[in-house]
Amino acid sequence: MAIATGSCIGAYFSESYFKGQLLNMRRIEIVTPAPPGSLHGNRVTAKRWQGFLRQLGYRVPITESWSGKDTDLLIALHAYRSHTSIDAFKLAYPNRPLILILTGTDLYRDMANHPEVHESMALADGLVVLQTEALRIIPAKWRHKATVIHQSAPQIPKQQKPNDEFSVSVIGHLRPEKDPFCIVRALPYLHSDSQITIQHLGMAMSGEMEKIALQATKQHDRYTWQGMVSHQTTLRTLARSHVIVISSRMEGGAHVVSEAIAAGVPILASKIAGNCGLLGKDYLGYFPVGNEKALARLLLRAETDQLFYKKLREQVKQLRKLIQPSQEKSAIQKLISKLIY
């Protein structure tokens, strides 16, 4: 009887202790304008940071705007669209730290047109960019706050690549910033005997984009638009591709680049800061932004020039050290520790 009573008391105190520990955990709120269930890059980044921070022992809710609840630190994605949350948090808690993760549209579009971007950077205690070239864009007076944290991706299992075709994937939502139909414009410049086939994955962000994608699928035997698919299907498609095309006009640092590196898949990328900051200035797989003829030439070279393709694969392999999850987690921990304690 005494043993039973002791066991109950022990269980009670264990449960109480656990609840107490939970209440004592520091709270970090992550704000992203991308809604739950969204596959937008901002939401993907928020979920990945949430996972790392929970491993580090924090309570980490994700909200679309600041909840107004007591929090030890606020992390906001998007200087322009999260400006109201940033301003409100700093008004309520002027002495508590705030980290701002700058997006591609912040850096390469909104900074020039919206004063809120500058105001958000001024209010932030720490700025995070996802690739090295972004540091050049940040105004000099706030550059000392900035940290580069590369987006990580776990190693992606290899898939058998088709022998009878040269498989190309294009992955990303169909919106103007991505120039998603650069690949379609390139198709007429491919040789008739080329074995290139294109799988285009991503949700159309407008009726017009959907119409163009469907028409291209009907018109070109090489091209198939699959629309939005699961992340698991996306990774399988990526892993069985010979190359991936990233034709964006602006990027803060696309996570799909990290995933392609994790899968060992060479990347043919538009030569913009967001890609160069991840792949390096000496990377061989660039083409001028918006130039479909140059993209077609690069695709044909990757298909037919074995030495060139081998060099691309080697360069991608060398980049794996940048996208290790342990490295991203360590960089996040270092930044949080510097600001919160």
C-alpha atoms as a PDB file:
ATOM      1  CA  MET A   1       0.000   0.000   0.000  1.00  0.00           C
ATOM      2  CA  ALA A   2       2.806   2.362   0.881  1.00  0.00           C
ATOM      3  CA  ILE A   3       4.539   1.544  -2.373  1.00  0.00           C
ATOM      4  CA  ALA A   4       1.392   2.305  -4.356  1.00  0.00           C
ATOM      5  CA  THR A   5       0.917   5.611  -2.544  1.00  0.00           C
ATOM      6  CA  GLY A   6       4.552   6.529  -3.077  1.00  0.00           C
ATOM      7  CA  SER A   7       4.269   5.696  -6.761  1.00  0.00           C
ATOM      8  CA  CYS A   8       1.237   7.955  -7.138  1.00  0.00           C
ATOM      9  CA  ILE A   9       2.960  10.789  -5.313  1.00  0.00           C
ATOM     10  CA  GLY A  10       6.081  10.276  -7.427  1.00  0.00           C
ATOM     11  CA  ALA A  11       4.031  10.356 -10.591  1.00  0.00           C
ATOM     12  CA  TYR A  12       2.209  13.494  -9.407  1.00  0.00           C
ATOM     13  CA  PHE A  13       5.431  15.317  -8.640  1.00  0.00           C
ATOM     14  CA  SER A  14       6.988  14.183 -11.931  1.00  0.00           C
ATOM     15  CA  GLU A  15       4.021  15.553 -13.838  1.00  0.00           C
ATOM     16  CA  SER A  16       4.062  18.777 -11.846  1.00  0.00           C
ATOM     17  CA  TYR A  17       7.788  19.126 -12.397  1.00  0.00           C
ATOM     18  CA  PHE A  18       7.340  18.619 -16.141  1.00  0.00           C
ATOM     19  CA  LYS A  19       4.598  21.249 -16.297  1.00  0.00           C
ATOM     20  CA  GLY A  20       6.759  23.627 -14.297  1.00  0.00           C
ATOM     21  CA  GLN A  21       9.674  23.094 -16.622  1.00  0.00           C
ATOM     22  CA  LEU A  22       7.401  23.749 -19.597  1.00  0.00           C
ATOM     23  CA  LEU A  23       6.204  27.019 -18.066  1.00  0.00           C
ATOM     24  CA  ASN A  24       9.796  28.032 -17.354  1.00  0.00           C
ATOM     25  CA  MET A  25      10.952  27.444 -20.937  1.00  0.00           C
ATOM     26  CA  ARG A  26      11.738  30.604 -22.819  1.00  0.00           C
ATOM     27  CA  ARG A  27       9.212  31.524 -25.485  1.00  0.00           C
ATOM     28  CA  ILE A  28      10.267  32.557 -28.975  1.00  0.00           C
ATOM     29  CA  GLU A  29       7.537  33.525 -31.419  1.00  0.00           C
ATOM     30  CA  ILE A  30       8.131  33.311 -35.167  1.00  0.00           C
ATOM     31  CA  VAL A  31       6.068  35.597 -37.397  1.00  0.00           C
ATOM     32  CA  THR A  32       5.645  34.824 -41.097  1.00  0.00           C
ATOM     33  CA  PRO A  33       2.971  36.202 -43.428  1.00  0.00           C
ATOM     34  CA  ALA A  34       2.762  32.818 -45.185  1.00  0.00           C
ATOM     35  CA  PRO A  35      -0.302  30.954 -43.834  1.00  0.00           C
ATOM     36  CA  PRO A  36      -0.305  27.469 -42.251  1.00  0.00           C
ATOM     37  CA  GLY A  37      -0.062  24.701 -44.838  1.00  0.00           C
ATOM     38  CA  SER A  38       1.577  27.023 -47.333  1.00  0.00           C
ATOM     39  CA  LEU A  39       4.595  25.798 -49.289  1.00  0.00           C
ATOM     40  CA  HIS A  40       5.944  29.330 -49.648  1.00  0.00           C
ATOM     41  CA  GLY A  41       9.632  29.659 -48.832  1.00  0.00           C
ATOM     42  CA  ASN A  42       8.928  31.903 -45.822  1.00  0.00           C
ATOM     43  CA  ARG A  43       6.761  29.227 -44.208  1.00  0.00           C
ATOM     44  CA  VAL A  44       9.323  26.526 -44.944  1.00  0.00           C
ATOM     45  CA  THR A  45      12.027  28.639 -43.289  1.00  0.00           C
ATOM     46  CA  ALA A  46       9.818  29.328 -40.276  1.00  0.00           C
ATOM     47  CA  LYS A  47       9.042  25.624 -39.796  1.00  0.00           C
ATOM     48  CA  ARG A  48      12.697  24.659 -40.083  1.00  0.00           C
ATOM     49  CA  TRP A  49      13.756  27.293 -37.519  1.00  0.00           C
ATOM     50  CA  GLN A  50      10.913  26.169 -35.257  1.00  0.00           C
ATOM     51  CA  GLY A  51      12.267  22.622 -35.346  1.00  0.00           C
ATOM     52  CA  PHE A  52      15.803  23.684 -34.498  1.00  0.00           C
ATOM     53  CA  LEU A  53      14.669  25.997 -31.682  1.00  0.00           C
ATOM     54  CA  ARG A  54      12.473  23.304 -30.145  1.00  0.00           C
ATOM     55  CA  GLN A  55      15.478  20.987 -30.145  1.00  0.00           C
ATOM     56  CA  LEU A  56      17.326  23.728 -28.271  1.00  0.00           C
ATOM     57  CA  GLY A  57      14.616  23.805 -25.587  1.00  0.00           C
ATOM     58  CA  TYR A  58      12.403  26.772 -26.512  1.00  0.00           C
ATOM     59  CA  ARG A  59       8.646  27.038 -26.860  1.00  0.00           C
ATOM     60  CA  VAL A  60       8.151  28.207 -30.440  1.00  0.00           C
ATOM     61  CA  PRO A  61       4.731  29.090 -31.868  1.00  0.00           C
ATOM     62  CA  ILE A  62       4.467  30.299 -35.471  1.00  0.00           C
ATOM     63  CA  THR A  63       1.975  33.080 -36.198  1.00  0.00           C
ATOM     64  CA  GLU A  64       1.054  35.182 -39.230  1.00  0.00           C
ATOM     65  CA  SER A  65       1.300  38.342 -37.127  1.00  0.00           C
ATOM     66  CA  TRP A  66       2.549  38.906 -33.585  1.00  0.00           C
ATOM     67  CA  SER A  67       0.064  37.398 -31.128  1.00  0.00           C
ATOM     68  CA  GLY A  68       0.616  40.154 -28.557  1.00  0.00           C
ATOM     69  CA  LYS A  69       1.628  37.503 -26.018  1.00  0.00           C
ATOM     70  CA  ASP A  70       4.611  37.788 -23.733  1.00  0.00           C
ATOM     71  CA  THR A  71       7.643  36.434 -25.578  1.00  0.00           C
ATOM     72  CA  ASP A  72      11.343  36.534 -24.841  1.00  0.00           C
ATOM     73  CA  LEU A  73      12.341  37.062 -28.460  1.00  0.00           C
ATOM     74  CA  LEU A  74      10.494  37.674 -31.713  1.00  0.00           C
ATOM     75  CA  ILE A  75      11.699  36.345 -35.061  1.00  0.00           C
ATOM     76  CA  ALA A  76      10.048  37.988 -38.060  1.00  0.00           C
ATOM     77  CA  LEU A  77      10.288  36.968 -41.689  1.00  0.00           C
ATOM     78  CA  HIS A  78       9.714  39.711 -44.255  1.00  0.00           C
ATOM     79  CA  ALA A  79      10.638  43.280 -43.326  1.00  0.00           C
ATOM     80  CA  TYR A  80       7.783  44.827 -45.301  1.00  0.00           C
ATOM     81  CA  ARG A  81       4.868  42.457 -44.731  1.00  0.00           C
ATOM     82  CA  SER A  82       5.709  41.860 -41.049  1.00  0.00           C
ATOM     83  CA  HIS A  83       6.425  45.523 -40.305  1.00  0.00           C
ATOM     84  CA  THR A  84       3.237  46.021 -38.247  1.00  0.00           C
ATOM     85  CA  SER A  85       4.185  43.078 -35.985  1.00  0.00           C
ATOM     86  CA  ILE A  86       7.772  44.310 -35.647  1.00  0.00           C
ATOM     87  CA  ASP A  87       6.655  47.820 -34.743  1.00  0.00           C
ATOM     88  CA  ALA A  88       4.039  46.584 -32.238  1.00  0.00           C
ATOM     89  CA  PHE A  89       6.447  44.188 -30.522  1.00  0.00           C
ATOM     90  CA  LYS A  90       9.153  46.822 -30.114  1.00  0.00           C
ATOM     91  CA  LEU A  91       6.605  49.309 -28.799  1.00  0.00           C
ATOM     92  CA  ALA A  92       5.424  46.792 -26.175  1.00  0.00           C
ATOM     93  CA  TYR A  93       8.871  45.376 -25.339  1.00  0.00           C
ATOM     94  CA  PRO A  94      11.527  47.927 -26.372  1.00  0.00           C
ATOM     95  CA  ASN A  95      14.285  46.076 -24.507  1.00  0.00           C
ATOM     96  CA  ARG A  96      13.555  42.596 -25.794  1.00  0.00           C
ATOM     97  CA  PRO A  97      15.431  41.282 -28.835  1.00  0.00           C
ATOM     98  CA  LEU A  98      14.011  40.932 -32.318  1.00  0.00           C
ATOM     99  CA  ILE A  99      15.539  39.033 -35.237  1.00  0.00           C
ATOM    100  CA  LEU A 100      14.512  39.935 -38.781  1.00  0.00           C
ATOM    101  CA  ILE A 101      15.057  37.377 -41.552  1.00  0.00           C
ATOM    102  CA  LEU A 102      15.247  39.346 -44.786  1.00  0.00           C
ATOM    103  CA  THR A 103      13.532  37.856 -47.840  1.00  0.00           C
ATOM    104  CA  GLY A 104      14.339  38.245 -51.520  1.00  0.00           C
ATOM    105  CA  THR A 105      11.498  40.679 -52.112  1.00  0.00           C
ATOM    106  CA  ASP A 106      12.689  42.732 -49.127  1.00  0.00           C
ATOM    107  CA  LEU A 107      16.186  43.018 -50.538  1.00  0.00           C
ATOM    108  CA  TYR A 108      15.668  43.185 -54.268  1.00  0.00           C
ATOM    109  CA  ARG A 109      12.303  44.931 -54.637  1.00  0.00           C
ATOM    110  CA  ASP A 110      10.646  46.415 -51.542  1.00  0.00           C
ATOM    111  CA  MET A 111      13.692  48.118 -50.007  1.00  0.00           C
ATOM    112  CA  ALA A 112      13.729  50.667 -52.805  1.00  0.00           C
ATOM    113  CA  ASN A 113       9.989  51.378 -52.656  1.00  0.00           C
ATOM    114  CA  HIS A 114       8.790  50.950 -49.082  1.00  0.00           C
ATOM    115  CA  PRO A 115      10.209  52.850 -46.086  1.00  0.00           C
ATOM    116  CA  GLU A 116       8.803  50.115 -43.821  1.00  0.00           C
ATOM    117  CA  VAL A 117      11.685  47.862 -44.876  1.00  0.00           C
ATOM    118  CA  HIS A 118      14.226  50.370 -43.546  1.00  0.00           C
ATOM    119  CA  GLU A 119      12.165  50.937 -40.401  1.00  0.00           C
ATOM    120  CA  SER A 120      12.035  47.189 -39.722  1.00  0.00           C
ATOM    121  CA  MET A 121      15.803  46.881 -40.168  1.00  0.00           C
ATOM    122  CA  ALA A 122      16.357  49.804 -37.812  1.00  0.00           C
ATOM    123  CA  LEU A 123      14.158  48.216 -35.118  1.00  0.00           C
ATOM    124  CA  ALA A 124      15.717  44.757 -35.389  1.00  0.00           C
ATOM    125  CA  ASP A 125      18.519  43.697 -33.062  1.00  0.00           C
ATOM    126  CA  GLY A 126      19.757  41.090 -35.509  1.00  0.00           C
ATOM    127  CA  LEU A 127      19.386  40.709 -39.268  1.00  0.00           C
ATOM    128  CA  VAL A 128      19.614  37.348 -41.012  1.00  0.00           C
ATOM    129  CA  VAL A 129      20.278  36.820 -44.712  1.00  0.00           C
ATOM    130  CA  LEU A 130      20.371  33.464 -46.445  1.00  0.00           C
ATOM    131  CA  GLN A 131      23.325  33.993 -48.784  1.00  0.00           C
ATOM    132  CA  THR A 132      26.504  36.056 -48.792  1.00  0.00           C
ATOM    133  CA  GLU A 133      25.696  38.429 -51.659  1.00  0.00           C
ATOM    134  CA  ALA A 134      22.765  39.820 -49.653  1.00  0.00           C
ATOM    135  CA  LEU A 135      25.204  41.544 -47.310  1.00  0.00           C
ATOM    136  CA  ARG A 136      26.057  43.999 -50.102  1.00  0.00           C
ATOM    137  CA  ILE A 137      22.434  45.140 -50.313  1.00  0.00           C
ATOM    138  CA  ILE A 138      21.955  45.946 -46.633  1.00  0.00           C
ATOM    139  CA  PRO A 139      22.608  49.649 -45.919  1.00  0.00           C
ATOM    140  CA  ALA A 140      26.068  50.082 -44.384  1.00  0.00           C
ATOM    141  CA  LYS A 141      24.696  51.555 -41.144  1.00  0.00           C
ATOM    142  CA  TRP A 142      22.886  48.284 -40.332  1.00  0.00           C
ATOM    143  CA  ARG A 143      25.347  45.793 -41.815  1.00  0.00           C
ATOM    144  CA  HIS A 144      26.966  45.163 -38.427  1.00  0.00           C
ATOM    145  CA  LYS A 145      23.715  43.517 -37.294  1.00  0.00           C
ATOM    146  CA  ALA A 146      23.716  41.018 -40.161  1.00  0.00           C
ATOM    147  CA  THR A 147      24.493  37.299 -40.069  1.00  0.00           C
ATOM    148  CA  VAL A 148      24.539  34.873 -42.996  1.00  0.00           C
ATOM    149  CA  ILE A 149      22.815  31.593 -42.142  1.00  0.00           C
ATOM    150  CA  HIS A 150      22.603  29.156 -45.036  1.00  0.00           C
ATOM    151  CA  GLN A 151      19.433  27.110 -45.316  1.00  0.00           C
ATOM    152  CA  SER A 152      20.106  23.457 -44.667  1.00  0.00           C
ATOM    153  CA  ALA A 153      18.681  20.266 -46.073  1.00  0.00           C
ATOM    154  CA  PRO A 154      19.255  16.671 -44.960  1.00  0.00           C
ATOM    155  CA  GLN A 155      20.805  14.363 -47.522  1.00  0.00           C
ATOM    156  CA  ILE A 156      18.195  13.260 -50.049  1.00  0.00           C
ATOM    157  CA  PRO A 157      18.193   9.584 -51.086  1.00  0.00           C
ATOM    158  CA  LYS A 158      19.363   8.973 -54.643  1.00  0.00           C
ATOM    159  CA  GLN A 159      16.844   7.925 -57.269  1.00  0.00           C
ATOM    160  CA  GLN A 160      17.522   6.053 -60.485  1.00  0.00           C
ATOM    161  CA  LYS A 161      17.737   8.556 -63.336  1.00  0.00           C
ATOM    162  CA  PRO A 162      16.075   7.585 -66.632  1.00  0.00           C
ATOM    163  CA  ASN A 163      18.458   6.228 -69.288  1.00  0.00           C
ATOM    164  CA  ASP A 164      16.341   7.141 -72.301  1.00  0.00           C
ATOM    165  CA  GLU A 165      15.893  10.843 -71.527  1.00  0.00           C
ATOM    166  CA  PHE A 166      17.681  13.808 -69.968  1.00  0.00           C
ATOM    167  CA  SER A 167      15.375  14.718 -67.128  1.00  0.00           C
ATOM    168  CA  VAL A 168      15.052  18.381 -66.115  1.00  0.00           C
ATOM    169  CA  SER A 169      13.032  19.637 -63.161  1.00  0.00           C
ATOM    170  CA  VAL A 170      11.736  23.162 -62.529  1.00  0.00           C
ATOM    171  CA  ILE A 171      10.487  23.568 -58.957  1.00  0.00           C
ATOM    172  CA  GLY A 172       8.742  26.617 -57.516  1.00  0.00           C
ATOM    173  CA  HIS A 173       5.405  28.379 -57.473  1.00  0.00           C
ATOM    174  CA  LEU A 174       4.451  30.066 -60.714  1.00  0.00           C
ATOM    175  CA  ARG A 175       4.784  33.792 -60.063  1.00  0.00           C
ATOM    176  CA  PRO A 176       6.555  36.641 -61.899  1.00  0.00           C
ATOM    177  CA  GLU A 177       9.571  36.784 -59.560  1.00  0.00           C
ATOM    178  CA  LYS A 178      10.443  33.202 -60.541  1.00  0.00           C
ATOM    179  CA  ASP A 179      10.200  33.812 -64.317  1.00  0.00           C
ATOM    180  CA  PRO A 180       8.662  30.327 -64.407  1.00  0.00           C
ATOM    181  CA  PHE A 181       8.184  30.148 -68.178  1.00  0.00           C
ATOM    182  CA  CYS A 182      11.758  30.918 -69.148  1.00  0.00           C
ATOM    183  CA  ILE A 183      12.031  27.144 -69.591  1.00  0.00           C
ATOM    184  CA  VAL A 184       9.023  27.134 -71.940  1.00  0.00           C
ATOM    185  CA  ARG A 185      10.491  29.980 -74.002  1.00  0.00           C
ATOM    186  CA  ALA A 186      13.708  27.940 -74.283  1.00  0.00           C
ATOM    187  CA  LEU A 187      12.010  24.860 -75.766  1.00  0.00           C
ATOM    188  CA  PRO A 188      11.999  26.003 -79.435  1.00  0.00           C
ATOM    189  CA  TYR A 189      15.791  26.394 -79.276  1.00  0.00           C
ATOM    190  CA  LEU A 190      16.432  22.765 -78.289  1.00  0.00           C
ATOM    191  CA  HIS A 191      17.616  20.396 -81.013  1.00  0.00           C
ATOM    192  CA  SER A 192      14.984  18.055 -82.401  1.00  0.00           C
ATOM    193  CA  ASP A 193      17.086  15.018 -81.448  1.00  0.00           C
ATOM    194  CA  SER A 194      17.564  16.196 -77.836  1.00  0.00           C
ATOM    195  CA  GLN A 195      16.278  13.819 -75.180  1.00  0.00           C
ATOM    196  CA  ILE A 196      15.475  16.631 -72.736  1.00  0.00           C
ATOM    197  CA  THR A 197      12.171  16.356 -70.853  1.00  0.00           C
ATOM    198  CA  ILE A 198      10.883  18.876 -68.310  1.00  0.00           C
ATOM    199  CA  GLN A 199       8.821  18.267 -65.185  1.00  0.00           C
ATOM    200  CA  HIS A 200       7.525  21.604 -63.830  1.00  0.00           C
ATOM    201  CA  LEU A 201       6.285  21.506 -60.227  1.00  0.00           C
ATOM    202  CA  GLY A 202       4.576  24.322 -58.395  1.00  0.00           C
ATOM    203  CA  MET A 203       1.222  25.975 -57.826  1.00  0.00           C
ATOM    204  CA  ALA A 204       0.050  28.613 -60.311  1.00  0.00           C
ATOM    205  CA  MET A 205      -0.377  31.856 -58.373  1.00  0.00           C
ATOM    206  CA  SER A 206      -2.831  33.330 -60.887  1.00  0.00           C
ATOM    207  CA  GLY A 207      -5.347  32.156 -63.462  1.00  0.00           C
ATOM    208  CA  GLU A 208      -3.151  33.531 -66.235  1.00  0.00           C
ATOM    209  CA  MET A 209      -0.148  31.531 -65.011  1.00  0.00           C
ATOM    210  CA  GLU A 210      -2.250  28.373 -64.909  1.00  0.00           C
ATOM    211  CA  LYS A 211      -3.516  28.996 -68.448  1.00  0.00           C
ATOM    212  CA  ILE A 212       0.028  29.405 -69.806  1.00  0.00           C
ATOM    213  CA  ALA A 213       1.259  26.252 -68.025  1.00  0.00           C
ATOM    214  CA  LEU A 214      -1.619  24.134 -69.304  1.00  0.00           C
ATOM    215  CA  GLN A 215      -1.205  25.456 -72.846  1.00  0.00           C
ATOM    216  CA  ALA A 216       2.534  24.736 -72.775  1.00  0.00           C
ATOM    217  CA  THR A 217       1.857  21.176 -71.597  1.00  0.00           C
ATOM    218  CA  LYS A 218      -0.470  20.646 -74.582  1.00  0.00           C
ATOM    219  CA  GLN A 219       1.849  22.314 -77.072  1.00  0.00           C
ATOM    220  CA  HIS A 220       5.207  20.758 -76.118  1.00  0.00           C
ATOM    221  CA  ASP A 221       5.780  17.017 -75.798  1.00  0.00           C
ATOM    222  CA  ARG A 222       8.901  17.653 -73.733  1.00  0.00           C
ATOM    223  CA  TYR A 223       7.119  19.719 -71.069  1.00  0.00           C
ATOM    224  CA  THR A 224       4.700  18.699 -68.319  1.00  0.00           C
ATOM    225  CA  TRP A 225       3.328  21.007 -65.647  1.00  0.00           C
ATOM    226  CA  GLN A 226       2.284  18.937 -62.623  1.00  0.00           C
ATOM    227  CA  GLY A 227       0.972  21.758 -60.467  1.00  0.00           C
ATOM    228  CA  MET A 228       1.351  21.580 -56.699  1.00  0.00           C
ATOM    229  CA  VAL A 229       2.470  18.179 -55.404  1.00  0.00           C
ATOM    230  CA  SER A 230       3.577  16.944 -51.995  1.00  0.00           C
ATOM    231  CA  HIS A 231       7.041  17.753 -50.704  1.00  0.00           C
ATOM    232  CA  GLN A 232       7.881  14.051 -50.782  1.00  0.00           C
ATOM    233  CA  THR A 233       6.928  13.830 -54.472  1.00  0.00           C
ATOM    234  CA  THR A 234       8.896  17.001 -55.161  1.00  0.00           C
ATOM    235  CA  LEU A 235      12.044  15.538 -53.600  1.00  0.00           C
ATOM    236  CA  ARG A 236      11.668  12.284 -55.547  1.00  0.00           C
ATOM    237  CA  THR A 237      11.267  14.215 -58.798  1.00  0.00           C
ATOM    238  CA  LEU A 238      14.284  16.354 -57.954  1.00  0.00           C
ATOM    239  CA  ALA A 239      16.454  13.333 -57.061  1.00  0.00           C
ATOM    240  CA  ARG A 240      15.738  11.558 -60.359  1.00  0.00           C
ATOM    241  CA  SER A 241      16.514  14.686 -62.403  1.00  0.00           C
ATOM    242  CA  HIS A 242      19.759  15.130 -64.287  1.00  0.00           C
ATOM    243  CA  VAL A 243      19.575  18.901 -63.642  1.00  0.00           C
ATOM    244  CA  ILE A 244      17.250  21.445 -62.063  1.00  0.00           C
ATOM    245  CA  VAL A 245      16.585  24.868 -63.602  1.00  0.00           C
ATOM    246  CA  ILE A 246      16.170  27.897 -61.328  1.00  0.00           C
ATOM    247  CA  SER A 247      15.322  30.877 -63.510  1.00  0.00           C
ATOM    248  CA  SER A 248      14.287  33.405 -60.846  1.00  0.00           C
ATOM    249  CA  ARG A 249      14.547  37.141 -61.391  1.00  0.00           C
ATOM    250  CA  MET A 250      14.980  37.679 -57.643  1.00  0.00           C
ATOM    251  CA  GLU A 251      15.765  35.364 -54.724  1.00  0.00           C
ATOM    252  CA  GLY A 252      16.749  35.905 -51.136  1.00  0.00           C
ATOM    253  CA  GLY A 253      18.209  32.394 -51.166  1.00  0.00           C
ATOM    254  CA  ALA A 254      16.012  29.605 -52.505  1.00  0.00           C
ATOM    255  CA  HIS A 255      15.692  26.541 -50.288  1.00  0.00           C
ATOM    256  CA  VAL A 256      15.342  24.373 -53.377  1.00  0.00           C
ATOM    257  CA  VAL A 257      19.002  25.194 -54.128  1.00  0.00           C
ATOM    258  CA  SER A 258      19.949  23.596 -50.797  1.00  0.00           C
ATOM    259  CA  GLU A 259      17.730  20.603 -51.598  1.00  0.00           C
ATOM    260  CA  ALA A 260      19.334  20.192 -55.027  1.00  0.00           C
ATOM    261  CA  ILE A 261      22.772  20.254 -53.399  1.00  0.00           C
ATOM    262  CA  ALA A 262      21.588  17.675 -50.844  1.00  0.00           C
ATOM    263  CA  ALA A 263      20.393  15.477 -53.729  1.00  0.00           C
ATOM    264  CA  GLY A 264      23.630  15.969 -55.693  1.00  0.00           C
ATOM    265  CA  VAL A 265      21.702  17.400 -58.661  1.00  0.00           C
ATOM    266  CA  PRO A 266      23.451  20.060 -60.783  1.00  0.00           C
ATOM    267  CA  ILE A 267      21.724  23.430 -60.933  1.00  0.00           C
ATOM    268  CA  LEU A 268      21.310  25.644 -63.993  1.00  0.00           C
ATOM    269  CA  ALA A 269      20.596  29.039 -62.473  1.00  0.00           C
ATOM    270  CA  SER A 270      19.928  32.602 -63.519  1.00  0.00           C
ATOM    271  CA  LYS A 271      22.904  34.787 -62.681  1.00  0.00           C
ATOM    272  CA  ILE A 272      21.350  36.865 -59.920  1.00  0.00           C
ATOM    273  CA  ALA A 273      22.715  37.772 -56.500  1.00  0.00           C
ATOM    274  CA  GLY A 274      20.459  35.319 -54.673  1.00  0.00           C
ATOM    275  CA  ASN A 275      21.856  32.394 -56.673  1.00  0.00           C
ATOM    276  CA  CYS A 276      25.470  33.597 -56.841  1.00  0.00           C
ATOM    277  CA  GLY A 277      25.519  34.089 -53.069  1.00  0.00           C
ATOM    278  CA  LEU A 278      24.770  30.383 -52.635  1.00  0.00           C
ATOM    279  CA  LEU A 279      26.560  28.745 -55.539  1.00  0.00           C
ATOM    280  CA  GLY A 280      29.584  31.047 -55.744  1.00  0.00           C
ATOM    281  CA  LYS A 281      30.838  33.365 -58.458  1.00  0.00           C
ATOM    282  CA  ASP A 282      32.851  30.629 -60.173  1.00  0.00           C
ATOM    283  CA  TYR A 283      29.959  28.211 -60.568  1.00  0.00           C
ATOM    284  CA  LEU A 284      29.695  27.013 -64.187  1.00  0.00           C
ATOM    285  CA  GLY A 285      25.924  26.621 -64.463  1.00  0.00           C
ATOM    286  CA  TYR A 286      24.759  30.236 -64.827  1.00  0.00           C
ATOM    287  CA  PHE A 287      22.793  31.872 -67.621  1.00  0.00           C
ATOM    288  CA  PRO A 288      21.746  35.547 -67.953  1.00  0.00           C
ATOM    289  CA  VAL A 289      18.441  36.264 -66.232  1.00  0.00           C
ATOM    290  CA  GLY A 290      15.478  35.998 -68.593  1.00  0.00           C
ATOM    291  CA  ASN A 291      17.614  34.754 -71.498  1.00  0.00           C
ATOM    292  CA  GLU A 292      15.883  31.661 -72.851  1.00  0.00           C
ATOM    293  CA  LYS A 293      18.372  31.170 -75.704  1.00  0.00           C
ATOM    294  CA  ALA A 294      21.264  31.022 -73.243  1.00  0.00           C
ATOM    295  CA  LEU A 295      19.269  28.612 -71.074  1.00  0.00           C
ATOM    296  CA  ALA A 296      18.661  26.351 -74.084  1.00  0.00           C
ATOM    297  CA  ARG A 297      22.394  26.343 -74.907  1.00  0.00           C
ATOM    298  CA  LEU A 298      23.229  25.491 -71.291  1.00  0.00           C
ATOM    299  CA  LEU A 299      20.684  22.671 -71.220  1.00  0.00           C
ATOM    300  CA  LEU A 300      22.077  21.166 -74.425  1.00  0.00           C
ATOM    301  CA  ARG A 301      25.622  21.456 -73.120  1.00  0.00           C
ATOM    302  CA  ALA A 302      24.682  19.698 -69.871  1.00  0.00           C
ATOM    303  CA  GLU A 303      22.993  16.972 -71.903  1.00  0.00           C
ATOM    304  CA  THR A 304      25.769  16.373 -74.446  1.00  0.00           C
ATOM    305  CA  ASP A 305      29.062  17.483 -72.850  1.00  0.00           C
ATOM    306  CA  GLN A 306      29.975  14.795 -70.315  1.00  0.00           C
ATOM    307  CA  LEU A 307      33.024  16.669 -68.998  1.00  0.00           C
ATOM    308  CA  PHE A 308      30.940  19.821 -68.385  1.00  0.00           C
ATOM    309  CA  TYR A 309      28.235  17.811 -66.620  1.00  0.00           C
ATOM    310  CA  LYS A 310      30.860  16.087 -64.460  1.00  0.00           C
ATOM    311  CA  LYS A 311      32.304  19.467 -63.435  1.00  0.00           C
ATOM    312  CA  LEU A 312      28.839  20.708 -62.455  1.00  0.00           C
ATOM    313  CA  ARG A 313      28.308  17.639 -60.279  1.00  0.00           C
ATOM    314  CA  GLU A 314      31.687  18.130 -58.622  1.00  0.00           C
ATOM    315  CA  GLN A 315      30.939  21.789 -57.871  1.00  0.00           C
ATOM    316  CA  VAL A 316      27.583  20.859 -56.328  1.00  0.00           C
ATOM    317  CA  LYS A 317      29.281  18.172 -54.218  1.00  0.00           C
ATOM    318  CA  GLN A 318      31.735  20.748 -52.868  1.00  0.00           C
ATOM    319  CA  LEU A 319      28.811  22.881 -51.652  1.00  0.00           C
ATOM    320  CA  ARG A 320      27.358  20.204 -49.363  1.00  0.00           C
ATOM    321  CA  LYS A 321      29.365  21.466 -46.409  1.00  0.00           C
ATOM    322  CA  LEU A 322      27.345  24.706 -46.490  1.00  0.00           C
ATOM    323  CA  ILE A 323      23.922  23.072 -46.137  1.00  0.00           C
ATOM    324  CA  GLN A 324      24.424  20.676 -43.223  1.00  0.00           C
ATOM    325  CA  PRO A 325      21.513  20.850 -40.711  1.00  0.00           C
ATOM    326  CA  SER A 326      23.952  20.743 -37.797  1.00  0.00           C
ATOM    327  CA  GLN A 327      25.666  23.843 -39.135  1.00  0.00           C
ATOM    328  CA  GLU A 328      22.416  25.801 -39.525  1.00  0.00           C
ATOM    329  CA  LYS A 329      21.272  24.750 -36.040  1.00  0.00           C
ATOM    330  CA  SER A 330      24.606  25.842 -34.548  1.00  0.00           C
ATOM    331  CA  ALA A 331      24.435  29.231 -36.302  1.00  0.00           C
ATOM    332  CA  ILE A 332      20.885  29.804 -35.036  1.00  0.00           C
ATOM    333  CA  GLN A 333      21.890  28.817 -31.501  1.00  0.00           C
ATOM    334  CA  LYS A 334      24.851  31.193 -31.559  1.00  0.00           C
ATOM    335  CA  LEU A 335      22.706  34.105 -32.716  1.00  0.00           C
ATOM    336  CA  ILE A 336      19.937  33.441 -30.195  1.00  0.00           C
ATOM    337  CA  SER A 337      22.428  33.074 -27.346  1.00  0.00           C
ATOM    338  CA  LYS A 338      24.037  36.391 -28.228  1.00  0.00           C
ATOM    339  CA  LEU A 339      20.713  38.246 -28.125  1.00  0.00           C
ATOM    340  CA  ILE A 340      18.577  36.550 -25.504  1.00  0.00           C
ATOM    341  CA  TYR A 341      20.998  36.173 -22.576  1.00  0.00           C
END
